[in-house]
Amino acid sequence: MAYMNKYQSDDYRRDELIRIIEHSVEKLTLAELEALYYDMTTKSYINDN
């Protein structure tokens, strides 16, 4: 993981984490995406209403 400066703003850190997560998710297989989706829905991170 890239070096993180403790003086960076929370918004910058949040944006950077989103970019890292998006990049990682793009590489997942369908089965891995389905498992991630299931896990996130059971923990209420995703709501399909």
N, C-alpha and C. Protein backbone atom coordinates (compact mmCIF):
# COMPACT_ATOMS: atom_id res chain seq x y z
N MET A 1 0.85 -1.18 0.00
CA MET A 1 0.00 0.00 0.00
C MET A 1 0.88 1.23 0.00
N ALA A 2 0.41 2.27 -0.66
CA ALA A 2 1.18 3.50 -0.77
C ALA A 2 1.37 4.14 0.60
N TYR A 3 2.44 4.87 0.75
CA TYR A 3 2.72 5.58 1.99
C TYR A 3 1.64 6.63 2.24
N MET A 4 1.13 6.65 3.45
CA MET A 4 0.08 7.60 3.78
C MET A 4 0.62 8.65 4.75
N ASN A 5 0.47 9.90 4.39
CA ASN A 5 0.89 11.01 5.24
C ASN A 5 -0.21 11.27 6.27
N LYS A 6 0.14 11.28 7.54
CA LYS A 6 -0.86 11.47 8.59
C LYS A 6 -1.47 12.86 8.58
N TYR A 7 -0.91 13.77 7.80
CA TYR A 7 -1.42 15.14 7.74
C TYR A 7 -2.39 15.36 6.58
N GLN A 8 -2.66 14.32 5.79
CA GLN A 8 -3.59 14.45 4.69
C GLN A 8 -5.00 14.59 5.24
N SER A 9 -5.84 15.29 4.48
CA SER A 9 -7.22 15.48 4.92
C SER A 9 -7.99 14.17 4.86
N ASP A 10 -9.05 14.10 5.64
CA ASP A 10 -9.91 12.91 5.63
C ASP A 10 -10.52 12.71 4.25
N ASP A 11 -10.90 13.79 3.58
CA ASP A 11 -11.49 13.68 2.24
C ASP A 11 -10.50 13.09 1.25
N TYR A 12 -9.26 13.53 1.32
CA TYR A 12 -8.24 13.00 0.42
C TYR A 12 -8.02 11.52 0.70
N ARG A 13 -7.93 11.14 1.96
CA ARG A 13 -7.72 9.74 2.33
C ARG A 13 -8.90 8.88 1.87
N ARG A 14 -10.12 9.41 2.05
CA ARG A 14 -11.32 8.69 1.62
C ARG A 14 -11.29 8.46 0.11
N ASP A 15 -10.98 9.50 -0.65
CA ASP A 15 -10.91 9.39 -2.11
C ASP A 15 -9.84 8.38 -2.53
N GLU A 16 -8.71 8.40 -1.85
CA GLU A 16 -7.64 7.48 -2.19
C GLU A 16 -8.06 6.03 -1.90
N LEU A 17 -8.72 5.81 -0.77
CA LEU A 17 -9.19 4.46 -0.45
C LEU A 17 -10.22 3.97 -1.46
N ILE A 18 -11.11 4.85 -1.89
CA ILE A 18 -12.10 4.48 -2.91
C ILE A 18 -11.41 4.08 -4.20
N ARG A 19 -10.40 4.82 -4.63
CA ARG A 19 -9.65 4.49 -5.85
C ARG A 19 -8.99 3.12 -5.72
N ILE A 20 -8.38 2.85 -4.56
CA ILE A 20 -7.70 1.57 -4.34
C ILE A 20 -8.71 0.43 -4.39
N ILE A 21 -9.85 0.61 -3.72
CA ILE A 21 -10.88 -0.43 -3.69
C ILE A 21 -11.45 -0.65 -5.09
N GLU A 22 -11.75 0.43 -5.82
CA GLU A 22 -12.28 0.30 -7.18
C GLU A 22 -11.31 -0.47 -8.06
N HIS A 23 -10.05 -0.15 -7.97
CA HIS A 23 -9.03 -0.83 -8.79
C HIS A 23 -8.98 -2.33 -8.45
N SER A 24 -9.08 -2.66 -7.18
CA SER A 24 -9.06 -4.06 -6.76
C SER A 24 -10.30 -4.81 -7.20
N VAL A 25 -11.46 -4.18 -7.09
CA VAL A 25 -12.72 -4.81 -7.46
C VAL A 25 -12.76 -5.11 -8.96
N GLU A 26 -12.18 -4.24 -9.76
CA GLU A 26 -12.17 -4.45 -11.21
C GLU A 26 -11.46 -5.74 -11.60
N LYS A 27 -10.58 -6.25 -10.76
CA LYS A 27 -9.81 -7.45 -11.07
C LYS A 27 -10.48 -8.74 -10.60
N LEU A 28 -11.59 -8.64 -9.85
CA LEU A 28 -12.23 -9.83 -9.30
C LEU A 28 -12.98 -10.61 -10.37
N THR A 29 -13.05 -11.91 -10.17
CA THR A 29 -13.85 -12.76 -11.06
C THR A 29 -15.31 -12.62 -10.68
N LEU A 30 -16.19 -13.16 -11.52
CA LEU A 30 -17.62 -13.11 -11.23
C LEU A 30 -17.93 -13.79 -9.90
N ALA A 31 -17.33 -14.95 -9.67
CA ALA A 31 -17.57 -15.67 -8.41
C ALA A 31 -17.11 -14.85 -7.21
N GLU A 32 -15.96 -14.21 -7.34
CA GLU A 32 -15.45 -13.37 -6.25
C GLU A 32 -16.35 -12.17 -6.02
N LEU A 33 -16.84 -11.57 -7.10
CA LEU A 33 -17.77 -10.44 -6.98
C LEU A 33 -19.06 -10.85 -6.30
N GLU A 34 -19.57 -12.03 -6.66
CA GLU A 34 -20.80 -12.52 -6.04
C GLU A 34 -20.59 -12.78 -4.55
N ALA A 35 -19.45 -13.33 -4.18
CA ALA A 35 -19.15 -13.56 -2.77
C ALA A 35 -19.03 -12.25 -2.01
N LEU A 36 -18.37 -11.28 -2.62
CA LEU A 36 -18.24 -9.95 -2.00
C LEU A 36 -19.61 -9.30 -1.85
N TYR A 37 -20.43 -9.39 -2.88
CA TYR A 37 -21.78 -8.83 -2.84
C TYR A 37 -22.59 -9.47 -1.71
N TYR A 38 -22.54 -10.79 -1.62
CA TYR A 38 -23.27 -11.49 -0.57
C TYR A 38 -22.80 -11.03 0.81
N ASP A 39 -21.50 -10.98 1.00
CA ASP A 39 -20.93 -10.57 2.27
C ASP A 39 -21.36 -9.14 2.63
N MET A 40 -21.31 -8.25 1.66
CA MET A 40 -21.67 -6.85 1.92
C MET A 40 -23.16 -6.69 2.18
N THR A 41 -24.01 -7.48 1.52
CA THR A 41 -25.44 -7.37 1.77
C THR A 41 -25.80 -7.94 3.14
N THR A 42 -25.15 -9.02 3.55
CA THR A 42 -25.46 -9.59 4.87
C THR A 42 -24.99 -8.69 6.00
N LYS A 43 -24.01 -7.84 5.72
CA LYS A 43 -23.54 -6.88 6.73
C LYS A 43 -24.20 -5.52 6.58
N SER A 44 -25.18 -5.44 5.68
CA SER A 44 -25.95 -4.21 5.42
C SER A 44 -25.09 -3.06 4.89
N TYR A 45 -24.01 -3.38 4.20
CA TYR A 45 -23.24 -2.35 3.50
C TYR A 45 -23.91 -2.00 2.18
N ILE A 46 -24.70 -2.95 1.65
CA ILE A 46 -25.45 -2.77 0.41
C ILE A 46 -26.90 -3.09 0.71
N ASN A 47 -27.78 -2.22 0.27
CA ASN A 47 -29.22 -2.46 0.43
C ASN A 47 -29.86 -2.41 -0.95
N ASP A 48 -30.47 -3.51 -1.36
CA ASP A 48 -31.13 -3.58 -2.68
C ASP A 48 -32.61 -3.30 -2.56
N ASN A 49 -32.97 -2.12 -2.16
CA ASN A 49 -34.39 -1.75 -2.00
C ASN A 49 -34.94 -1.18 -3.27
